Amino acid sequence: SIPRDTVLPIPYADGKYVKIVSWFVNGLRPLLRKDPRAIANLVERERPDVLCLLETRLQEMMVPDFREMLPGYTDHWSCSRVRKGYAGTAVFIRDETLARAARPSLEQLWGEHKRVMT
């Protein structure tokens, strides 16, 4: 079971909600070796609009192996260019409109270590 905080949702102006799930995976490859369906099971159970995976620890050349991990989601990856196997994030956005709107702002926010700086 994944621990989570209870937060009251705040709707967008159109009355719709966006569900965001964030998970500190501490290495995506070891997680999926241990449980190949870990991410898929989480998405099936929680049905997030946005899934953020933190500390994926992938190199850019490894990302294509994971691109089709979640059909129906648009993926955005950030890998450290400073150190191999260090940091890294992946953001999966279910709604295509959200994916198009989020991409430019995500790319503008990446820091030196490929972390989102806000």
N, C-alpha and C. Protein backbone atom coordinates (compact mmCIF):
# COMPACT_ATOMS: atom_id res chain seq x y z
N SER A 1 0.84 -1.18 0.00
CA SER A 1 0.00 0.00 0.00
C SER A 1 0.89 1.24 0.00
N ILE A 2 0.52 2.21 -0.81
CA ILE A 2 1.28 3.44 -0.91
C ILE A 2 0.68 4.46 0.07
N PRO A 3 1.52 4.99 0.98
CA PRO A 3 0.98 6.01 1.90
C PRO A 3 0.58 7.26 1.15
N ARG A 4 -0.47 7.88 1.58
CA ARG A 4 -0.91 9.10 0.92
C ARG A 4 -1.59 10.03 1.91
N ASP A 5 -1.54 11.29 1.61
CA ASP A 5 -2.21 12.30 2.41
C ASP A 5 -3.60 12.51 1.83
N THR A 6 -4.53 12.82 2.70
CA THR A 6 -5.87 13.15 2.24
C THR A 6 -5.93 14.64 1.98
N VAL A 7 -6.24 15.00 0.76
CA VAL A 7 -6.32 16.40 0.37
C VAL A 7 -7.66 16.63 -0.30
N LEU A 8 -8.34 17.67 0.12
CA LEU A 8 -9.61 17.99 -0.52
C LEU A 8 -9.34 18.54 -1.91
N PRO A 9 -9.97 17.98 -2.93
CA PRO A 9 -9.71 18.44 -4.31
C PRO A 9 -10.30 19.81 -4.56
N ILE A 10 -9.62 20.56 -5.41
CA ILE A 10 -10.10 21.88 -5.83
C ILE A 10 -10.36 21.80 -7.33
N PRO A 11 -11.59 22.03 -7.76
CA PRO A 11 -11.89 21.90 -9.19
C PRO A 11 -11.35 23.07 -10.01
N TYR A 12 -11.10 22.79 -11.29
CA TYR A 12 -10.78 23.84 -12.24
C TYR A 12 -12.03 24.66 -12.49
N ALA A 13 -11.89 25.75 -13.23
CA ALA A 13 -13.01 26.65 -13.50
C ALA A 13 -14.18 25.92 -14.15
N ASP A 14 -13.88 24.88 -14.96
CA ASP A 14 -14.96 24.17 -15.64
C ASP A 14 -15.61 23.11 -14.75
N GLY A 15 -15.19 23.05 -13.48
CA GLY A 15 -15.78 22.10 -12.54
C GLY A 15 -15.14 20.73 -12.56
N LYS A 16 -14.15 20.51 -13.42
CA LYS A 16 -13.49 19.22 -13.49
C LYS A 16 -12.28 19.19 -12.55
N TYR A 17 -11.95 17.99 -12.11
CA TYR A 17 -10.81 17.81 -11.23
C TYR A 17 -9.67 17.14 -11.98
N VAL A 18 -8.47 17.37 -11.52
CA VAL A 18 -7.30 16.69 -12.06
C VAL A 18 -6.68 15.93 -10.90
N LYS A 19 -6.49 14.63 -11.09
CA LYS A 19 -5.88 13.81 -10.06
C LYS A 19 -4.40 13.62 -10.40
N ILE A 20 -3.53 14.04 -9.48
CA ILE A 20 -2.09 13.93 -9.66
C ILE A 20 -1.54 12.96 -8.63
N VAL A 21 -0.78 11.98 -9.10
CA VAL A 21 -0.13 11.02 -8.20
C VAL A 21 1.37 11.17 -8.40
N SER A 22 2.09 11.27 -7.30
CA SER A 22 3.54 11.39 -7.33
C SER A 22 4.13 10.24 -6.53
N TRP A 23 5.19 9.60 -7.08
CA TRP A 23 5.79 8.44 -6.43
C TRP A 23 7.30 8.53 -6.52
N PHE A 24 7.97 8.49 -5.39
CA PHE A 24 9.42 8.45 -5.31
C PHE A 24 9.82 6.99 -5.52
N VAL A 25 10.17 6.63 -6.76
CA VAL A 25 10.40 5.21 -7.09
C VAL A 25 11.80 4.74 -6.73
N ASN A 26 12.75 5.67 -6.55
CA ASN A 26 14.12 5.31 -6.16
C ASN A 26 14.74 4.31 -7.13
N GLY A 27 14.60 4.56 -8.41
CA GLY A 27 15.15 3.68 -9.45
C GLY A 27 14.05 2.91 -10.14
N LEU A 28 13.72 3.31 -11.36
CA LEU A 28 12.62 2.68 -12.10
C LEU A 28 12.94 1.25 -12.53
N ARG A 29 14.15 1.01 -13.01
CA ARG A 29 14.51 -0.35 -13.45
C ARG A 29 14.44 -1.36 -12.31
N PRO A 30 15.03 -1.10 -11.13
CA PRO A 30 14.92 -2.07 -10.04
C PRO A 30 13.47 -2.30 -9.60
N LEU A 31 12.68 -1.22 -9.59
CA LEU A 31 11.27 -1.36 -9.21
C LEU A 31 10.55 -2.33 -10.14
N LEU A 32 10.75 -2.14 -11.46
CA LEU A 32 10.04 -2.97 -12.43
C LEU A 32 10.63 -4.38 -12.54
N ARG A 33 11.89 -4.55 -12.16
CA ARG A 33 12.45 -5.92 -12.08
C ARG A 33 11.78 -6.69 -10.95
N LYS A 34 11.58 -6.00 -9.84
CA LYS A 34 10.94 -6.62 -8.66
C LYS A 34 9.46 -6.89 -8.91
N ASP A 35 8.77 -5.92 -9.52
CA ASP A 35 7.34 -6.05 -9.81
C ASP A 35 7.05 -5.40 -11.16
N PRO A 36 7.07 -6.18 -12.25
CA PRO A 36 6.89 -5.61 -13.59
C PRO A 36 5.59 -4.83 -13.78
N ARG A 37 4.58 -5.10 -12.96
CA ARG A 37 3.30 -4.42 -13.12
C ARG A 37 3.07 -3.33 -12.07
N ALA A 38 4.11 -2.95 -11.34
CA ALA A 38 3.94 -1.97 -10.26
C ALA A 38 3.29 -0.67 -10.74
N ILE A 39 3.81 -0.10 -11.81
CA ILE A 39 3.28 1.17 -12.32
C ILE A 39 1.89 0.96 -12.92
N ALA A 40 1.73 -0.08 -13.72
CA ALA A 40 0.43 -0.36 -14.34
C ALA A 40 -0.64 -0.60 -13.28
N ASN A 41 -0.31 -1.32 -12.22
CA ASN A 41 -1.28 -1.57 -11.15
C ASN A 41 -1.67 -0.28 -10.45
N LEU A 42 -0.70 0.59 -10.21
CA LEU A 42 -0.98 1.88 -9.59
C LEU A 42 -1.93 2.68 -10.46
N VAL A 43 -1.67 2.74 -11.76
CA VAL A 43 -2.50 3.52 -12.67
C VAL A 43 -3.91 2.92 -12.77
N GLU A 44 -4.01 1.60 -12.81
CA GLU A 44 -5.33 0.96 -12.86
C GLU A 44 -6.13 1.25 -11.60
N ARG A 45 -5.45 1.25 -10.46
CA ARG A 45 -6.14 1.46 -9.18
C ARG A 45 -6.50 2.93 -8.97
N GLU A 46 -5.55 3.84 -9.24
CA GLU A 46 -5.74 5.25 -8.92
C GLU A 46 -6.30 6.08 -10.07
N ARG A 47 -6.09 5.65 -11.32
CA ARG A 47 -6.54 6.36 -12.51
C ARG A 47 -6.16 7.85 -12.49
N PRO A 48 -4.87 8.15 -12.32
CA PRO A 48 -4.47 9.56 -12.26
C PRO A 48 -4.51 10.24 -13.62
N ASP A 49 -4.77 11.52 -13.60
CA ASP A 49 -4.65 12.33 -14.81
C ASP A 49 -3.18 12.61 -15.08
N VAL A 50 -2.41 12.76 -14.00
CA VAL A 50 -0.98 13.02 -14.09
C VAL A 50 -0.27 12.09 -13.11
N LEU A 51 0.74 11.39 -13.61
CA LEU A 51 1.56 10.52 -12.77
C LEU A 51 2.99 11.05 -12.83
N CYS A 52 3.56 11.36 -11.67
CA CYS A 52 4.94 11.85 -11.59
C CYS A 52 5.79 10.78 -10.90
N LEU A 53 6.84 10.35 -11.57
CA LEU A 53 7.77 9.39 -10.98
C LEU A 53 9.07 10.14 -10.69
N LEU A 54 9.50 10.09 -9.45
CA LEU A 54 10.69 10.82 -9.02
C LEU A 54 11.83 9.85 -8.79
N GLU A 55 13.03 10.33 -9.06
CA GLU A 55 14.25 9.52 -8.91
C GLU A 55 14.18 8.26 -9.76
N THR A 56 13.88 8.43 -11.05
CA THR A 56 13.84 7.29 -11.96
C THR A 56 15.23 6.71 -12.20
N ARG A 57 16.24 7.57 -12.11
CA ARG A 57 17.65 7.19 -12.25
C ARG A 57 17.97 6.53 -13.59
N LEU A 58 17.33 7.00 -14.63
CA LEU A 58 17.59 6.49 -15.97
C LEU A 58 18.52 7.43 -16.72
N GLN A 59 19.25 6.87 -17.66
CA GLN A 59 20.02 7.67 -18.60
C GLN A 59 19.13 7.90 -19.82
N GLU A 60 19.40 8.96 -20.56
CA GLU A 60 18.55 9.29 -21.71
C GLU A 60 18.44 8.14 -22.70
N MET A 61 19.51 7.37 -22.88
CA MET A 61 19.47 6.26 -23.85
C MET A 61 18.55 5.13 -23.39
N MET A 62 18.15 5.10 -22.11
CA MET A 62 17.27 4.06 -21.59
C MET A 62 15.79 4.41 -21.73
N VAL A 63 15.48 5.68 -21.88
CA VAL A 63 14.10 6.15 -21.92
C VAL A 63 13.25 5.45 -22.98
N PRO A 64 13.75 5.22 -24.21
CA PRO A 64 12.90 4.56 -25.22
C PRO A 64 12.34 3.21 -24.76
N ASP A 65 13.04 2.51 -23.89
CA ASP A 65 12.55 1.23 -23.37
C ASP A 65 11.30 1.39 -22.52
N PHE A 66 11.05 2.60 -22.02
CA PHE A 66 9.94 2.84 -21.11
C PHE A 66 8.86 3.73 -21.71
N ARG A 67 9.06 4.19 -22.94
CA ARG A 67 8.13 5.15 -23.56
C ARG A 67 6.70 4.62 -23.66
N GLU A 68 6.54 3.36 -23.93
CA GLU A 68 5.20 2.78 -24.12
C GLU A 68 4.69 2.11 -22.85
N MET A 69 5.25 2.46 -21.72
CA MET A 69 4.90 1.84 -20.45
C MET A 69 3.43 2.05 -20.09
N LEU A 70 2.89 3.21 -20.41
CA LEU A 70 1.50 3.52 -20.06
C LEU A 70 0.74 3.99 -21.29
N PRO A 71 0.13 3.07 -22.02
CA PRO A 71 -0.67 3.46 -23.19
C PRO A 71 -1.77 4.44 -22.77
N GLY A 72 -2.01 5.44 -23.60
CA GLY A 72 -3.04 6.43 -23.28
C GLY A 72 -2.50 7.63 -22.52
N TYR A 73 -1.22 7.60 -22.20
CA TYR A 73 -0.57 8.71 -21.51
C TYR A 73 0.54 9.26 -22.39
N THR A 74 0.72 10.57 -22.34
CA THR A 74 1.85 11.20 -22.99
C THR A 74 2.95 11.33 -21.95
N ASP A 75 4.16 10.94 -22.31
CA ASP A 75 5.25 10.92 -21.34
C ASP A 75 6.24 12.04 -21.58
N HIS A 76 6.83 12.53 -20.49
CA HIS A 76 7.85 13.57 -20.50
C HIS A 76 8.94 13.10 -19.55
N TRP A 77 10.16 13.02 -20.04
CA TRP A 77 11.28 12.47 -19.26
C TRP A 77 12.35 13.52 -19.04
N SER A 78 12.98 13.43 -17.90
CA SER A 78 14.13 14.27 -17.61
C SER A 78 15.19 13.38 -16.97
N CYS A 79 16.37 13.33 -17.56
CA CYS A 79 17.47 12.51 -17.05
C CYS A 79 18.65 13.41 -16.75
N SER A 80 19.36 13.08 -15.70
CA SER A 80 20.53 13.87 -15.35
C SER A 80 21.60 13.74 -16.42
N ARG A 81 22.15 14.87 -16.81
CA ARG A 81 23.27 14.86 -17.75
C ARG A 81 24.58 15.06 -16.99
N VAL A 82 24.47 15.31 -15.71
CA VAL A 82 25.63 15.57 -14.88
C VAL A 82 26.24 14.26 -14.38
N ARG A 83 25.38 13.32 -13.98
CA ARG A 83 25.85 12.06 -13.41
C ARG A 83 24.95 10.91 -13.86
N LYS A 84 25.53 9.81 -14.29
CA LYS A 84 24.75 8.64 -14.71
C LYS A 84 24.07 8.01 -13.50
N GLY A 85 22.82 7.56 -13.72
CA GLY A 85 22.08 6.90 -12.65
C GLY A 85 21.71 7.81 -11.50
N TYR A 86 21.59 9.09 -11.79
CA TYR A 86 21.33 10.08 -10.74
C TYR A 86 20.04 10.81 -11.03
N ALA A 87 19.21 10.96 -10.01
CA ALA A 87 17.99 11.75 -10.10
C ALA A 87 17.07 11.27 -11.23
N GLY A 88 16.47 12.18 -11.94
CA GLY A 88 15.59 11.85 -13.05
C GLY A 88 14.13 11.83 -12.65
N THR A 89 13.30 12.31 -13.57
CA THR A 89 11.86 12.30 -13.36
C THR A 89 11.15 11.86 -14.64
N ALA A 90 9.95 11.38 -14.45
CA ALA A 90 9.07 11.06 -15.58
C ALA A 90 7.68 11.58 -15.21
N VAL A 91 7.06 12.25 -16.16
CA VAL A 91 5.70 12.74 -15.96
C VAL A 91 4.84 12.16 -17.06
N PHE A 92 3.77 11.50 -16.68
CA PHE A 92 2.82 10.92 -17.62
C PHE A 92 1.52 11.69 -17.49
N ILE A 93 1.02 12.20 -18.61
CA ILE A 93 -0.20 13.00 -18.60
C ILE A 93 -1.25 12.31 -19.46
N ARG A 94 -2.39 12.01 -18.86
CA ARG A 94 -3.41 11.24 -19.55
C ARG A 94 -4.13 12.04 -20.64
N ASP A 95 -4.57 13.20 -20.36
CA ASP A 95 -5.35 13.97 -21.31
C ASP A 95 -4.42 14.64 -22.32
N GLU A 96 -4.68 14.42 -23.60
CA GLU A 96 -3.81 14.95 -24.65
C GLU A 96 -3.73 16.48 -24.61
N THR A 97 -4.81 17.13 -24.25
CA THR A 97 -4.79 18.59 -24.16
C THR A 97 -3.85 19.04 -23.06
N LEU A 98 -3.88 18.36 -21.92
CA LEU A 98 -2.96 18.69 -20.83
C LEU A 98 -1.52 18.44 -21.27
N ALA A 99 -1.29 17.38 -22.00
CA ALA A 99 0.06 17.05 -22.45
C ALA A 99 0.62 18.15 -23.34
N ARG A 100 -0.19 18.65 -24.26
CA ARG A 100 0.29 19.71 -25.15
C ARG A 100 0.54 21.00 -24.37
N ALA A 101 -0.32 21.30 -23.41
CA ALA A 101 -0.17 22.53 -22.63
C ALA A 101 1.01 22.45 -21.68
N ALA A 102 1.32 21.27 -21.15
CA ALA A 102 2.36 21.15 -20.13
C ALA A 102 3.77 21.10 -20.72
N ARG A 103 3.93 20.55 -21.91
CA ARG A 103 5.28 20.31 -22.43
C ARG A 103 6.18 21.56 -22.48
N PRO A 104 5.76 22.66 -23.07
CA PRO A 104 6.68 23.81 -23.11
C PRO A 104 7.08 24.29 -21.73
N SER A 105 6.14 24.36 -20.80
CA SER A 105 6.49 24.88 -19.49
C SER A 105 7.39 23.91 -18.73
N LEU A 106 7.22 22.61 -18.90
CA LEU A 106 8.11 21.65 -18.26
C LEU A 106 9.52 21.80 -18.79
N GLU A 107 9.67 21.91 -20.08
CA GLU A 107 11.00 22.02 -20.67
C GLU A 107 11.69 23.32 -20.25
N GLN A 108 10.94 24.37 -20.01
CA GLN A 108 11.54 25.62 -19.59
C GLN A 108 11.99 25.57 -18.13
N LEU A 109 11.39 24.68 -17.33
CA LEU A 109 11.69 24.63 -15.90
C LEU A 109 12.81 23.68 -15.53
N TRP A 110 13.29 22.83 -16.45
CA TRP A 110 14.35 21.88 -16.10
C TRP A 110 15.58 22.63 -15.62
N GLY A 111 16.16 22.17 -14.53
CA GLY A 111 17.39 22.78 -14.02
C GLY A 111 18.62 22.05 -14.55
N GLU A 112 19.78 22.42 -14.05
CA GLU A 112 21.04 21.81 -14.47
C GLU A 112 21.04 20.32 -14.24
N HIS A 113 20.43 19.86 -13.14
CA HIS A 113 20.39 18.44 -12.81
C HIS A 113 19.15 17.78 -13.38
N LYS A 114 18.46 18.50 -14.27
CA LYS A 114 17.24 18.00 -14.92
C LYS A 114 16.14 17.76 -13.89
N ARG A 115 16.03 18.67 -12.95
CA ARG A 115 14.95 18.67 -11.98
C ARG A 115 14.09 19.89 -12.26
N VAL A 116 12.81 19.79 -11.96
CA VAL A 116 11.95 20.93 -12.18
C VAL A 116 12.20 21.95 -11.07
N MET A 117 12.51 23.16 -11.48
CA MET A 117 12.77 24.23 -10.54
C MET A 117 11.58 25.18 -10.55
N THR A 118 10.91 25.35 -9.42
CA THR A 118 9.76 26.25 -9.37
C THR A 118 9.96 27.32 -8.33
